[in-house]
Amino acid sequence: MTPTLEHLRRCSMAVDLGAARTRVYLRNGGLVVDEPSVAAVDVRTGALIAVGARAEMMAGRTPDHIRVVRPVASGAVVDIAMAQRMLRHVLGEKLGRRWLRMSVVRGMPVMRAAVCMPHGSEPIARRAAIETMYGLGARRVELVDTLIAAAVGCGLPVEQPEATMIVVCGAGTTHVAVLSLGSIVAAETVPVGGDAIDRAVVEHLRSRHELMLPSQAVRPLHQMLGGPGNGGTVTTEVHGRDVTSGLARTVLVETEGVRQAMRTPLTGVLDAITGVLRRCPPDLVADLGDRGIMLAGGSAHMPGLDPMLRQATGMPVHIAPNPDTVAVRGLGSMIEGRIRTSPHDPLAP
């Protein structure tokens, strides 16, 4: 069933289950949870050791009996039981007794929840999200397309009869859409995100310099080497592990080579944008010439993305304020009744 704004206004919680981070927004309470979608488990006893930021710090540093897992991949729940344990832990930590009163009263579920789902999600992914929330005590779950929620969170006039283009860059995927009258006119999803850029940097250093980077050093490194203000070719010291000997080693890396390695996966995002524009009516494309493209999502600041799109499309490119939280904040605006869309608005993914 497609949720209406009236259904969403009855929800008390908005949830964005992202591949990198999980976010929870409470009606009249704002954003209360913003934690990495990571859990650490003792495989001998099944006990939950840590979740969120603490579990993420353990990645690559645990003994054999502790396993660091990610129960959410590309916005879809892949391990329902672990996702429920992770959410229950962080909500209990942040809200305490308020969470217990909100989820269950006298053994009966009372909570209604709205959940962001990636555009074009498979039925099994939607069902997994619903089951996850049911396990937390929800009696009803409304699914909303992430593209609609993100556009609302960016402050775009989605209810107007004019085009708005949004590009939501996540950790695993990037979603591109043109919206008008509260509906998606054309959309496309590509398997390119922050993780793809990380892999490109790792592969470049491995093949060119025979150096392996620690997992938690990849993202800061590619932001430093590929970010703005690094014009020309300069060299930077990079610390890692030698592929052959396994010993610690420091090498000098040319920033231009790293930037070139990052541009290769980013061309997939450009192809998706041009494909969406081809499927749009000319009048909507003309609107975008002035309004441009809005970048959102946790990977909206991927080095080199916005100048590449600006040069290739000839349109203005804007990065949303706090781009990583726009989807859950947009969904929060919906459940609080602070957004108007057309009455035929298909909010569901």
C-alpha atoms as a PDB file:
ATOM      1  CA  MET A   1       0.000   0.000   0.000  1.00  0.00           C
ATOM      2  CA  THR A   2       1.314   3.466  -0.943  1.00  0.00           C
ATOM      3  CA  PRO A   3       1.634   5.704   2.133  1.00  0.00           C
ATOM      4  CA  THR A   4      -0.096   9.069   2.125  1.00  0.00           C
ATOM      5  CA  LEU A   5       1.000  12.126   4.040  1.00  0.00           C
ATOM      6  CA  GLU A   6      -1.878  11.471   6.435  1.00  0.00           C
ATOM      7  CA  HIS A   7      -0.431   8.014   7.176  1.00  0.00           C
ATOM      8  CA  LEU A   8       3.024   9.494   7.690  1.00  0.00           C
ATOM      9  CA  ARG A   9       1.749  12.116  10.137  1.00  0.00           C
ATOM     10  CA  ARG A  10       0.651   9.269  12.403  1.00  0.00           C
ATOM     11  CA  CYS A  11       4.214   7.948  12.628  1.00  0.00           C
ATOM     12  CA  SER A  12       6.309   8.759  15.666  1.00  0.00           C
ATOM     13  CA  MET A  13       9.692   7.689  14.248  1.00  0.00           C
ATOM     14  CA  ALA A  14      11.592   8.113  10.957  1.00  0.00           C
ATOM     15  CA  VAL A  15      14.435   5.692  10.197  1.00  0.00           C
ATOM     16  CA  ASP A  16      17.127   5.770   7.504  1.00  0.00           C
ATOM     17  CA  LEU A  17      18.879   2.396   7.304  1.00  0.00           C
ATOM     18  CA  GLY A  18      21.971   3.292   5.296  1.00  0.00           C
ATOM     19  CA  ALA A  19      24.869   1.089   4.257  1.00  0.00           C
ATOM     20  CA  ALA A  20      27.296   3.303   6.181  1.00  0.00           C
ATOM     21  CA  ARG A  21      25.194   4.862   8.967  1.00  0.00           C
ATOM     22  CA  THR A  22      21.816   4.334  10.618  1.00  0.00           C
ATOM     23  CA  ARG A  23      19.822   7.416  11.569  1.00  0.00           C
ATOM     24  CA  VAL A  24      16.658   7.768  13.645  1.00  0.00           C
ATOM     25  CA  TYR A  25      14.483  10.865  13.884  1.00  0.00           C
ATOM     26  CA  LEU A  26      11.724  11.209  16.505  1.00  0.00           C
ATOM     27  CA  ARG A  27       8.691  13.387  16.029  1.00  0.00           C
ATOM     28  CA  ASN A  28       9.166  16.559  18.100  1.00  0.00           C
ATOM     29  CA  GLY A  29      12.526  15.156  19.207  1.00  0.00           C
ATOM     30  CA  GLY A  30      14.740  15.632  16.148  1.00  0.00           C
ATOM     31  CA  LEU A  31      17.647  13.438  15.123  1.00  0.00           C
ATOM     32  CA  VAL A  32      18.438  11.176  18.081  1.00  0.00           C
ATOM     33  CA  VAL A  33      20.590   8.448  16.498  1.00  0.00           C
ATOM     34  CA  ASP A  34      23.360   8.847  13.919  1.00  0.00           C
ATOM     35  CA  GLU A  35      25.671   5.854  14.241  1.00  0.00           C
ATOM     36  CA  PRO A  36      27.658   3.623  11.851  1.00  0.00           C
ATOM     37  CA  SER A  37      25.681   0.528  10.781  1.00  0.00           C
ATOM     38  CA  VAL A  38      28.201  -1.794  12.422  1.00  0.00           C
ATOM     39  CA  ALA A  39      28.041  -4.370  15.227  1.00  0.00           C
ATOM     40  CA  ALA A  40      30.748  -6.429  16.945  1.00  0.00           C
ATOM     41  CA  VAL A  41      29.737  -9.931  18.079  1.00  0.00           C
ATOM     42  CA  ASP A  42      31.428 -12.623  20.156  1.00  0.00           C
ATOM     43  CA  VAL A  43      31.060 -15.682  17.890  1.00  0.00           C
ATOM     44  CA  ARG A  44      31.548 -18.092  20.824  1.00  0.00           C
ATOM     45  CA  THR A  45      28.627 -16.829  22.887  1.00  0.00           C
ATOM     46  CA  GLY A  46      26.663 -14.717  20.414  1.00  0.00           C
ATOM     47  CA  ALA A  47      26.915 -11.738  22.776  1.00  0.00           C
ATOM     48  CA  LEU A  48      26.824  -8.237  21.343  1.00  0.00           C
ATOM     49  CA  ILE A  49      30.143  -6.572  22.211  1.00  0.00           C
ATOM     50  CA  ALA A  50      29.605  -3.122  20.710  1.00  0.00           C
ATOM     51  CA  VAL A  51      27.587  -1.260  18.083  1.00  0.00           C
ATOM     52  CA  GLY A  52      27.991   1.942  16.123  1.00  0.00           C
ATOM     53  CA  ALA A  53      31.160   4.001  16.423  1.00  0.00           C
ATOM     54  CA  ARG A  54      32.759   1.687  18.994  1.00  0.00           C
ATOM     55  CA  ALA A  55      32.230  -1.353  16.761  1.00  0.00           C
ATOM     56  CA  GLU A  56      33.551   0.505  13.714  1.00  0.00           C
ATOM     57  CA  MET A  57      36.795   1.262  15.555  1.00  0.00           C
ATOM     58  CA  MET A  58      37.252  -2.490  16.103  1.00  0.00           C
ATOM     59  CA  ALA A  59      37.201  -3.316  12.368  1.00  0.00           C
ATOM     60  CA  GLY A  60      40.445  -5.020  11.373  1.00  0.00           C
ATOM     61  CA  ARG A  61      41.667  -5.072  14.975  1.00  0.00           C
ATOM     62  CA  THR A  62      39.706  -7.910  16.598  1.00  0.00           C
ATOM     63  CA  PRO A  63      40.846 -11.369  17.773  1.00  0.00           C
ATOM     64  CA  ASP A  64      39.424 -14.464  16.079  1.00  0.00           C
ATOM     65  CA  HIS A  65      36.454 -14.831  18.437  1.00  0.00           C
ATOM     66  CA  ILE A  66      35.094 -11.311  17.743  1.00  0.00           C
ATOM     67  CA  ARG A  67      33.496 -10.590  14.385  1.00  0.00           C
ATOM     68  CA  VAL A  68      32.588  -7.123  13.090  1.00  0.00           C
ATOM     69  CA  VAL A  69      29.471  -7.282  10.885  1.00  0.00           C
ATOM     70  CA  ARG A  70      27.346  -4.866   8.855  1.00  0.00           C
ATOM     71  CA  PRO A  71      23.677  -5.933   8.940  1.00  0.00           C
ATOM     72  CA  VAL A  72      22.728  -3.338   6.317  1.00  0.00           C
ATOM     73  CA  ALA A  73      24.129  -3.242   2.773  1.00  0.00           C
ATOM     74  CA  SER A  74      23.221  -0.631   0.123  1.00  0.00           C
ATOM     75  CA  GLY A  75      20.261   0.520   2.187  1.00  0.00           C
ATOM     76  CA  ALA A  76      18.783  -2.993   2.509  1.00  0.00           C
ATOM     77  CA  VAL A  77      18.721  -5.125   5.650  1.00  0.00           C
ATOM     78  CA  VAL A  78      20.700  -8.334   5.014  1.00  0.00           C
ATOM     79  CA  ASP A  79      20.596  -9.661   8.589  1.00  0.00           C
ATOM     80  CA  ILE A  80      17.239  -8.918  10.242  1.00  0.00           C
ATOM     81  CA  ALA A  81      18.104 -10.322  13.688  1.00  0.00           C
ATOM     82  CA  MET A  82      21.387  -8.420  13.910  1.00  0.00           C
ATOM     83  CA  ALA A  83      19.798  -5.199  12.606  1.00  0.00           C
ATOM     84  CA  GLN A  84      17.152  -5.463  15.334  1.00  0.00           C
ATOM     85  CA  ARG A  85      19.789  -6.018  18.021  1.00  0.00           C
ATOM     86  CA  MET A  86      21.854  -3.093  16.739  1.00  0.00           C
ATOM     87  CA  LEU A  87      18.871  -0.706  16.640  1.00  0.00           C
ATOM     88  CA  ARG A  88      17.523  -1.856  20.000  1.00  0.00           C
ATOM     89  CA  HIS A  89      20.931  -1.243  21.583  1.00  0.00           C
ATOM     90  CA  VAL A  90      21.481   2.269  20.189  1.00  0.00           C
ATOM     91  CA  LEU A  91      17.887   3.354  20.852  1.00  0.00           C
ATOM     92  CA  GLY A  92      18.022   2.058  24.398  1.00  0.00           C
ATOM     93  CA  GLU A  93      21.343   3.851  24.890  1.00  0.00           C
ATOM     94  CA  LYS A  94      20.077   7.177  23.520  1.00  0.00           C
ATOM     95  CA  LEU A  95      16.502   7.178  24.819  1.00  0.00           C
ATOM     96  CA  GLY A  96      16.555   4.907  27.879  1.00  0.00           C
ATOM     97  CA  ARG A  97      13.133   4.373  29.432  1.00  0.00           C
ATOM     98  CA  ARG A  98      11.536   6.696  26.919  1.00  0.00           C
ATOM     99  CA  TRP A  99      12.226   4.088  24.235  1.00  0.00           C
ATOM    100  CA  LEU A 100      10.573   1.321  26.293  1.00  0.00           C
ATOM    101  CA  ARG A 101       7.456   3.451  26.834  1.00  0.00           C
ATOM    102  CA  MET A 102       7.370   4.360  23.166  1.00  0.00           C
ATOM    103  CA  SER A 103       7.749   0.859  21.713  1.00  0.00           C
ATOM    104  CA  VAL A 104       5.642  -1.363  23.964  1.00  0.00           C
ATOM    105  CA  VAL A 105       2.909  -0.665  26.513  1.00  0.00           C
ATOM    106  CA  ARG A 106       1.492  -3.624  28.442  1.00  0.00           C
ATOM    107  CA  GLY A 107       3.014  -6.038  25.982  1.00  0.00           C
ATOM    108  CA  MET A 108       1.312  -4.470  22.921  1.00  0.00           C
ATOM    109  CA  PRO A 109       3.179  -2.603  20.145  1.00  0.00           C
ATOM    110  CA  VAL A 110       2.148   1.054  19.888  1.00  0.00           C
ATOM    111  CA  MET A 111       4.808   2.647  17.690  1.00  0.00           C
ATOM    112  CA  ARG A 112       4.371   3.607  14.045  1.00  0.00           C
ATOM    113  CA  ALA A 113       7.540   4.040  12.000  1.00  0.00           C
ATOM    114  CA  ALA A 114       8.447   5.482   8.595  1.00  0.00           C
ATOM    115  CA  VAL A 115      11.498   4.016   6.876  1.00  0.00           C
ATOM    116  CA  CYS A 116      13.515   5.305   3.897  1.00  0.00           C
ATOM    117  CA  MET A 117      14.020   2.725   1.139  1.00  0.00           C
ATOM    118  CA  PRO A 118      16.298   3.074  -1.921  1.00  0.00           C
ATOM    119  CA  HIS A 119      14.481   3.724  -5.179  1.00  0.00           C
ATOM    120  CA  GLY A 120      13.537   0.521  -6.966  1.00  0.00           C
ATOM    121  CA  SER A 121      14.058  -1.716  -3.924  1.00  0.00           C
ATOM    122  CA  GLU A 122      13.147  -5.361  -4.383  1.00  0.00           C
ATOM    123  CA  PRO A 123      10.105  -6.736  -2.481  1.00  0.00           C
ATOM    124  CA  ILE A 124      12.382  -8.900  -0.313  1.00  0.00           C
ATOM    125  CA  ALA A 125      14.352  -5.790   0.764  1.00  0.00           C
ATOM    126  CA  ARG A 126      11.142  -3.940   1.637  1.00  0.00           C
ATOM    127  CA  ARG A 127       9.881  -6.929   3.597  1.00  0.00           C
ATOM    128  CA  ALA A 128      13.178  -7.157   5.514  1.00  0.00           C
ATOM    129  CA  ALA A 129      12.886  -3.503   6.560  1.00  0.00           C
ATOM    130  CA  ILE A 130       9.310  -4.038   7.742  1.00  0.00           C
ATOM    131  CA  GLU A 131      10.238  -7.167   9.713  1.00  0.00           C
ATOM    132  CA  THR A 132      13.133  -5.329  11.332  1.00  0.00           C
ATOM    133  CA  MET A 133      10.836  -2.594  12.639  1.00  0.00           C
ATOM    134  CA  TYR A 134       8.168  -5.088  13.704  1.00  0.00           C
ATOM    135  CA  GLY A 135      10.814  -6.780  15.842  1.00  0.00           C
ATOM    136  CA  LEU A 136      11.443  -3.454  17.584  1.00  0.00           C
ATOM    137  CA  GLY A 137       7.799  -3.083  18.593  1.00  0.00           C
ATOM    138  CA  ALA A 138       6.245  -1.246  15.651  1.00  0.00           C
ATOM    139  CA  ARG A 139       2.639  -2.076  14.811  1.00  0.00           C
ATOM    140  CA  ARG A 140       2.759  -0.338  11.418  1.00  0.00           C
ATOM    141  CA  VAL A 141       5.627   0.548   9.072  1.00  0.00           C
ATOM    142  CA  GLU A 142       5.421   3.015   6.168  1.00  0.00           C
ATOM    143  CA  LEU A 143       8.076   2.826   3.424  1.00  0.00           C
ATOM    144  CA  VAL A 144       9.068   6.043   1.639  1.00  0.00           C
ATOM    145  CA  ASP A 145      11.337   6.436  -1.374  1.00  0.00           C
ATOM    146  CA  THR A 146      14.721   7.830  -0.286  1.00  0.00           C
ATOM    147  CA  LEU A 147      14.788  10.171  -3.289  1.00  0.00           C
ATOM    148  CA  ILE A 148      11.540  11.868  -2.214  1.00  0.00           C
ATOM    149  CA  ALA A 149      12.679  12.113   1.414  1.00  0.00           C
ATOM    150  CA  ALA A 150      16.082  13.518   0.428  1.00  0.00           C
ATOM    151  CA  ALA A 151      14.542  16.106  -1.895  1.00  0.00           C
ATOM    152  CA  VAL A 152      12.272  17.273   0.930  1.00  0.00           C
ATOM    153  CA  GLY A 153      15.243  17.356   3.309  1.00  0.00           C
ATOM    154  CA  CYS A 154      17.193  19.525   0.842  1.00  0.00           C
ATOM    155  CA  GLY A 155      14.351  22.048   0.780  1.00  0.00           C
ATOM    156  CA  LEU A 156      13.600  21.477  -2.903  1.00  0.00           C
ATOM    157  CA  PRO A 157      10.095  22.535  -4.054  1.00  0.00           C
ATOM    158  CA  VAL A 158       9.068  18.990  -4.924  1.00  0.00           C
ATOM    159  CA  GLU A 159       5.346  19.860  -4.911  1.00  0.00           C
ATOM    160  CA  GLN A 160       5.692  22.477  -7.683  1.00  0.00           C
ATOM    161  CA  PRO A 161       5.098  21.802 -11.430  1.00  0.00           C
ATOM    162  CA  GLU A 162       8.761  22.337 -12.265  1.00  0.00           C
ATOM    163  CA  ALA A 163      11.813  20.114 -12.417  1.00  0.00           C
ATOM    164  CA  THR A 164      14.226  19.431  -9.592  1.00  0.00           C
ATOM    165  CA  MET A 165      17.153  17.020  -9.942  1.00  0.00           C
ATOM    166  CA  ILE A 166      18.674  15.274  -6.961  1.00  0.00           C
ATOM    167  CA  VAL A 167      21.677  12.960  -6.810  1.00  0.00           C
ATOM    168  CA  VAL A 168      21.883  10.935  -3.593  1.00  0.00           C
ATOM    169  CA  CYS A 169      25.406   9.540  -3.208  1.00  0.00           C
ATOM    170  CA  GLY A 170      25.603   6.777  -0.638  1.00  0.00           C
ATOM    171  CA  ALA A 171      28.338   4.419   0.445  1.00  0.00           C
ATOM    172  CA  GLY A 172      27.397   1.645  -1.968  1.00  0.00           C
ATOM    173  CA  THR A 173      25.088   3.198  -4.576  1.00  0.00           C
ATOM    174  CA  THR A 174      24.162   6.523  -6.139  1.00  0.00           C
ATOM    175  CA  HIS A 175      20.546   7.373  -7.000  1.00  0.00           C
ATOM    176  CA  VAL A 176      19.696  10.012  -9.610  1.00  0.00           C
ATOM    177  CA  ALA A 177      16.195  11.402 -10.154  1.00  0.00           C
ATOM    178  CA  VAL A 178      14.228  14.249 -11.673  1.00  0.00           C
ATOM    179  CA  LEU A 179      11.084  15.169  -9.719  1.00  0.00           C
ATOM    180  CA  SER A 180       8.038  17.275 -10.517  1.00  0.00           C
ATOM    181  CA  LEU A 181       4.674  17.650  -8.753  1.00  0.00           C
ATOM    182  CA  GLY A 182       5.864  15.482  -5.895  1.00  0.00           C
ATOM    183  CA  SER A 183       6.544  12.523  -8.182  1.00  0.00           C
ATOM    184  CA  ILE A 184       9.608  10.926  -9.718  1.00  0.00           C
ATOM    185  CA  VAL A 185       9.642  11.573 -13.473  1.00  0.00           C
ATOM    186  CA  ALA A 186      12.773   9.537 -14.217  1.00  0.00           C
ATOM    187  CA  ALA A 187      15.326   7.846 -12.004  1.00  0.00           C
ATOM    188  CA  GLU A 188      18.362   5.599 -12.216  1.00  0.00           C
ATOM    189  CA  THR A 189      20.602   3.777  -9.727  1.00  0.00           C
ATOM    190  CA  VAL A 190      24.271   2.928 -10.234  1.00  0.00           C
ATOM    191  CA  PRO A 191      26.515   0.788  -7.967  1.00  0.00           C
ATOM    192  CA  VAL A 192      28.969   3.654  -7.407  1.00  0.00           C
ATOM    193  CA  GLY A 193      29.498   5.397  -4.082  1.00  0.00           C
ATOM    194  CA  GLY A 194      32.062   6.210  -1.454  1.00  0.00           C
ATOM    195  CA  ASP A 195      33.066   2.548  -1.166  1.00  0.00           C
ATOM    196  CA  ALA A 196      33.889   2.421  -4.899  1.00  0.00           C
ATOM    197  CA  ILE A 197      36.176   5.434  -4.517  1.00  0.00           C
ATOM    198  CA  ASP A 198      37.868   3.761  -1.542  1.00  0.00           C
ATOM    199  CA  ARG A 199      38.468   0.608  -3.598  1.00  0.00           C
ATOM    200  CA  ALA A 200      39.888   2.668  -6.472  1.00  0.00           C
ATOM    201  CA  VAL A 201      42.393   4.349  -4.141  1.00  0.00           C
ATOM    202  CA  VAL A 202      43.381   1.036  -2.538  1.00  0.00           C
ATOM    203  CA  GLU A 203      43.847  -0.642  -5.915  1.00  0.00           C
ATOM    204  CA  HIS A 204      45.901   2.265  -7.249  1.00  0.00           C
ATOM    205  CA  LEU A 205      48.314   2.187  -4.303  1.00  0.00           C
ATOM    206  CA  ARG A 206      48.538  -1.597  -4.448  1.00  0.00           C
ATOM    207  CA  SER A 207      49.301  -1.817  -8.163  1.00  0.00           C
ATOM    208  CA  ARG A 208      51.473   1.291  -8.488  1.00  0.00           C
ATOM    209  CA  HIS A 209      53.307   1.300  -5.141  1.00  0.00           C
ATOM    210  CA  GLU A 210      52.779  -2.263  -3.771  1.00  0.00           C
ATOM    211  CA  LEU A 211      51.310  -0.730  -0.617  1.00  0.00           C
ATOM    212  CA  MET A 212      48.254  -1.809   1.396  1.00  0.00           C
ATOM    213  CA  LEU A 213      46.414   0.836   3.423  1.00  0.00           C
ATOM    214  CA  PRO A 214      44.738   0.286   6.820  1.00  0.00           C
ATOM    215  CA  SER A 215      40.952   0.197   6.266  1.00  0.00           C
ATOM    216  CA  GLN A 216      40.275   3.275   8.395  1.00  0.00           C
ATOM    217  CA  ALA A 217      42.934   5.350   6.618  1.00  0.00           C
ATOM    218  CA  VAL A 218      41.453   5.065   3.109  1.00  0.00           C
ATOM    219  CA  ARG A 219      38.679   7.690   3.324  1.00  0.00           C
ATOM    220  CA  PRO A 220      40.786  10.456   4.958  1.00  0.00           C
ATOM    221  CA  LEU A 221      43.541   9.790   2.426  1.00  0.00           C
ATOM    222  CA  HIS A 222      41.428  10.100  -0.719  1.00  0.00           C
ATOM    223  CA  GLN A 223      39.762  13.238   0.667  1.00  0.00           C
ATOM    224  CA  MET A 224      43.178  14.764   1.312  1.00  0.00           C
ATOM    225  CA  LEU A 225      44.691  13.797  -2.043  1.00  0.00           C
ATOM    226  CA  GLY A 226      41.682  14.392  -4.246  1.00  0.00           C
ATOM    227  CA  GLY A 227      40.112  17.369  -2.545  1.00  0.00           C
ATOM    228  CA  PRO A 228      39.992  20.948  -3.864  1.00  0.00           C
ATOM    229  CA  GLY A 229      43.043  23.113  -3.585  1.00  0.00           C
ATOM    230  CA  ASN A 230      45.445  20.370  -4.674  1.00  0.00           C
ATOM    231  CA  GLY A 231      46.014  21.665  -8.175  1.00  0.00           C
ATOM    232  CA  GLY A 232      48.987  20.317 -10.069  1.00  0.00           C
ATOM    233  CA  THR A 233      51.008  17.241  -9.308  1.00  0.00           C
ATOM    234  CA  VAL A 234      52.531  17.121  -5.852  1.00  0.00           C
ATOM    235  CA  THR A 235      53.710  14.228  -3.737  1.00  0.00           C
ATOM    236  CA  THR A 236      52.491  13.148  -0.311  1.00  0.00           C
ATOM    237  CA  GLU A 237      53.848  10.618   2.170  1.00  0.00           C
ATOM    238  CA  VAL A 238      51.536   7.637   2.673  1.00  0.00           C
ATOM    239  CA  HIS A 239      52.015   5.025   5.395  1.00  0.00           C
ATOM    240  CA  GLY A 240      50.891   1.430   4.954  1.00  0.00           C
ATOM    241  CA  ARG A 241      51.996  -2.211   4.723  1.00  0.00           C
ATOM    242  CA  ASP A 242      54.283  -3.586   2.043  1.00  0.00           C
ATOM    243  CA  VAL A 243      52.417  -6.141  -0.110  1.00  0.00           C
ATOM    244  CA  THR A 244      55.418  -8.454  -0.429  1.00  0.00           C
ATOM    245  CA  SER A 245      57.154  -8.322   2.953  1.00  0.00           C
ATOM    246  CA  GLY A 246      54.182  -7.412   5.157  1.00  0.00           C
ATOM    247  CA  LEU A 247      56.292  -4.776   6.931  1.00  0.00           C
ATOM    248  CA  ALA A 248      55.348  -1.160   7.563  1.00  0.00           C
ATOM    249  CA  ARG A 249      56.480   1.135   4.746  1.00  0.00           C
ATOM    250  CA  THR A 250      56.183   4.781   3.720  1.00  0.00           C
ATOM    251  CA  VAL A 251      56.013   5.837   0.060  1.00  0.00           C
ATOM    252  CA  LEU A 252      55.719   9.109  -1.830  1.00  0.00           C
ATOM    253  CA  VAL A 253      52.476   9.217  -3.816  1.00  0.00           C
ATOM    254  CA  GLU A 254      51.668  11.616  -6.654  1.00  0.00           C
ATOM    255  CA  THR A 255      48.295  13.234  -6.001  1.00  0.00           C
ATOM    256  CA  GLU A 256      47.432  13.438  -9.709  1.00  0.00           C
ATOM    257  CA  GLY A 257      47.582   9.649 -10.034  1.00  0.00           C
ATOM    258  CA  VAL A 258      45.184   9.229  -7.099  1.00  0.00           C
ATOM    259  CA  ARG A 259      42.784  11.807  -8.526  1.00  0.00           C
ATOM    260  CA  GLN A 260      42.796  10.019 -11.867  1.00  0.00           C
ATOM    261  CA  ALA A 261      42.056   6.684 -10.173  1.00  0.00           C
ATOM    262  CA  MET A 262      39.048   8.240  -8.416  1.00  0.00           C
ATOM    263  CA  ARG A 263      37.629   9.735 -11.616  1.00  0.00           C
ATOM    264  CA  THR A 264      37.166   6.323 -13.236  1.00  0.00           C
ATOM    265  CA  PRO A 265      34.261   5.086 -11.051  1.00  0.00           C
ATOM    266  CA  LEU A 266      32.734   8.572 -10.973  1.00  0.00           C
ATOM    267  CA  THR A 267      31.985   8.349 -14.709  1.00  0.00           C
ATOM    268  CA  GLY A 268      29.192   5.903 -13.799  1.00  0.00           C
ATOM    269  CA  VAL A 269      27.387   8.718 -11.950  1.00  0.00           C
ATOM    270  CA  LEU A 270      27.717  10.984 -14.976  1.00  0.00           C
ATOM    271  CA  ASP A 271      26.288   8.272 -17.260  1.00  0.00           C
ATOM    272  CA  ALA A 272      23.288   7.887 -14.928  1.00  0.00           C
ATOM    273  CA  ILE A 273      22.607  11.643 -14.980  1.00  0.00           C
ATOM    274  CA  THR A 274      22.715  11.854 -18.763  1.00  0.00           C
ATOM    275  CA  GLY A 275      20.461   8.777 -19.018  1.00  0.00           C
ATOM    276  CA  VAL A 276      17.858  10.344 -16.702  1.00  0.00           C
ATOM    277  CA  LEU A 277      17.929  13.650 -18.620  1.00  0.00           C
ATOM    278  CA  ARG A 278      17.326  11.832 -21.918  1.00  0.00           C
ATOM    279  CA  ARG A 279      14.118  10.324 -20.504  1.00  0.00           C
ATOM    280  CA  CYS A 280      12.738  13.676 -19.291  1.00  0.00           C
ATOM    281  CA  PRO A 281      10.459  16.024 -21.297  1.00  0.00           C
ATOM    282  CA  PRO A 282      12.302  19.028 -22.789  1.00  0.00           C
ATOM    283  CA  ASP A 283      10.391  21.502 -20.596  1.00  0.00           C
ATOM    284  CA  LEU A 284      11.715  19.865 -17.427  1.00  0.00           C
ATOM    285  CA  VAL A 285      15.280  19.749 -18.748  1.00  0.00           C
ATOM    286  CA  ALA A 286      15.012  23.481 -19.518  1.00  0.00           C
ATOM    287  CA  ASP A 287      14.030  24.111 -15.875  1.00  0.00           C
ATOM    288  CA  LEU A 288      17.185  22.341 -14.721  1.00  0.00           C
ATOM    289  CA  GLY A 289      19.378  24.644 -16.804  1.00  0.00           C
ATOM    290  CA  ASP A 290      18.794  27.381 -14.226  1.00  0.00           C
ATOM    291  CA  ARG A 291      18.154  25.343 -11.082  1.00  0.00           C
ATOM    292  CA  GLY A 292      20.909  22.771 -11.606  1.00  0.00           C
ATOM    293  CA  ILE A 293      21.684  19.582  -9.699  1.00  0.00           C
ATOM    294  CA  MET A 294      21.475  19.040  -5.949  1.00  0.00           C
ATOM    295  CA  LEU A 295      24.000  16.612  -4.446  1.00  0.00           C
ATOM    296  CA  ALA A 296      23.041  14.837  -1.232  1.00  0.00           C
ATOM    297  CA  GLY A 297      23.976  11.724   0.706  1.00  0.00           C
ATOM    298  CA  GLY A 298      26.947  10.728   2.837  1.00  0.00           C
ATOM    299  CA  SER A 299      29.293  10.709  -0.178  1.00  0.00           C
ATOM    300  CA  ALA A 300      28.158  14.013  -1.727  1.00  0.00           C
ATOM    301  CA  HIS A 301      31.598  15.468  -0.966  1.00  0.00           C
ATOM    302  CA  MET A 302      33.394  12.780  -3.005  1.00  0.00           C
ATOM    303  CA  PRO A 303      36.491  14.565  -4.322  1.00  0.00           C
ATOM    304  CA  GLY A 304      36.136  15.642  -7.934  1.00  0.00           C
ATOM    305  CA  LEU A 305      32.417  14.808  -8.268  1.00  0.00           C
ATOM    306  CA  ASP A 306      30.856  18.277  -8.347  1.00  0.00           C
ATOM    307  CA  PRO A 307      33.397  19.890 -10.736  1.00  0.00           C
ATOM    308  CA  MET A 308      33.146  16.886 -13.063  1.00  0.00           C
ATOM    309  CA  LEU A 309      29.333  17.124 -13.184  1.00  0.00           C
ATOM    310  CA  ARG A 310      29.462  20.894 -13.629  1.00  0.00           C
ATOM    311  CA  GLN A 311      31.862  20.603 -16.554  1.00  0.00           C
ATOM    312  CA  ALA A 312      30.062  17.677 -18.237  1.00  0.00           C
ATOM    313  CA  THR A 313      26.472  18.968 -17.960  1.00  0.00           C
ATOM    314  CA  GLY A 314      26.976  22.731 -18.067  1.00  0.00           C
ATOM    315  CA  MET A 315      24.482  23.045 -15.178  1.00  0.00           C
ATOM    316  CA  PRO A 316      25.019  24.489 -11.710  1.00  0.00           C
ATOM    317  CA  VAL A 317      25.845  21.865  -9.070  1.00  0.00           C
ATOM    318  CA  HIS A 318      24.974  22.443  -5.416  1.00  0.00           C
ATOM    319  CA  ILE A 319      25.854  20.389  -2.351  1.00  0.00           C
ATOM    320  CA  ALA A 320      23.087  20.278   0.247  1.00  0.00           C
ATOM    321  CA  PRO A 321      23.830  21.527   3.774  1.00  0.00           C
ATOM    322  CA  ASN A 322      24.519  18.494   5.973  1.00  0.00           C
ATOM    323  CA  PRO A 323      24.072  16.215   2.938  1.00  0.00           C
ATOM    324  CA  ASP A 324      24.451  12.975   4.900  1.00  0.00           C
ATOM    325  CA  THR A 325      21.286  13.537   6.979  1.00  0.00           C
ATOM    326  CA  VAL A 326      18.907  15.071   4.403  1.00  0.00           C
ATOM    327  CA  ALA A 327      16.903  11.861   3.850  1.00  0.00           C
ATOM    328  CA  VAL A 328      16.046  11.250   7.501  1.00  0.00           C
ATOM    329  CA  ARG A 329      15.405  14.956   8.098  1.00  0.00           C
ATOM    330  CA  GLY A 330      13.101  15.088   5.090  1.00  0.00           C
ATOM    331  CA  LEU A 331      11.223  12.066   6.387  1.00  0.00           C
ATOM    332  CA  GLY A 332      11.098  13.764   9.777  1.00  0.00           C
ATOM    333  CA  SER A 333       9.472  16.811   8.139  1.00  0.00           C
ATOM    334  CA  MET A 334       6.844  14.517   6.640  1.00  0.00           C
ATOM    335  CA  ILE A 335       5.912  12.831   9.918  1.00  0.00           C
ATOM    336  CA  GLU A 336       5.734  16.246  11.600  1.00  0.00           C
ATOM    337  CA  GLY A 337       3.441  17.566   8.849  1.00  0.00           C
ATOM    338  CA  ARG A 338       5.811  20.285   7.647  1.00  0.00           C
ATOM    339  CA  ILE A 339       5.636  19.384   3.943  1.00  0.00           C
ATOM    340  CA  ARG A 340       2.907  19.556   1.312  1.00  0.00           C
ATOM    341  CA  THR A 341       2.925  17.462  -1.856  1.00  0.00           C
ATOM    342  CA  SER A 342       0.370  16.674  -4.530  1.00  0.00           C
ATOM    343  CA  PRO A 343      -2.518  14.401  -3.511  1.00  0.00           C
ATOM    344  CA  HIS A 344      -1.471  11.709  -6.013  1.00  0.00           C
ATOM    345  CA  ASP A 345       2.107  11.677  -4.734  1.00  0.00           C
ATOM    346  CA  PRO A 346       3.597   8.127  -4.923  1.00  0.00           C
ATOM    347  CA  LEU A 347       5.825   8.256  -1.859  1.00  0.00           C
ATOM    348  CA  ALA A 348       6.613   4.537  -1.722  1.00  0.00           C
ATOM    349  CA  PRO A 349       9.812   3.104  -3.251  1.00  0.00           C
END
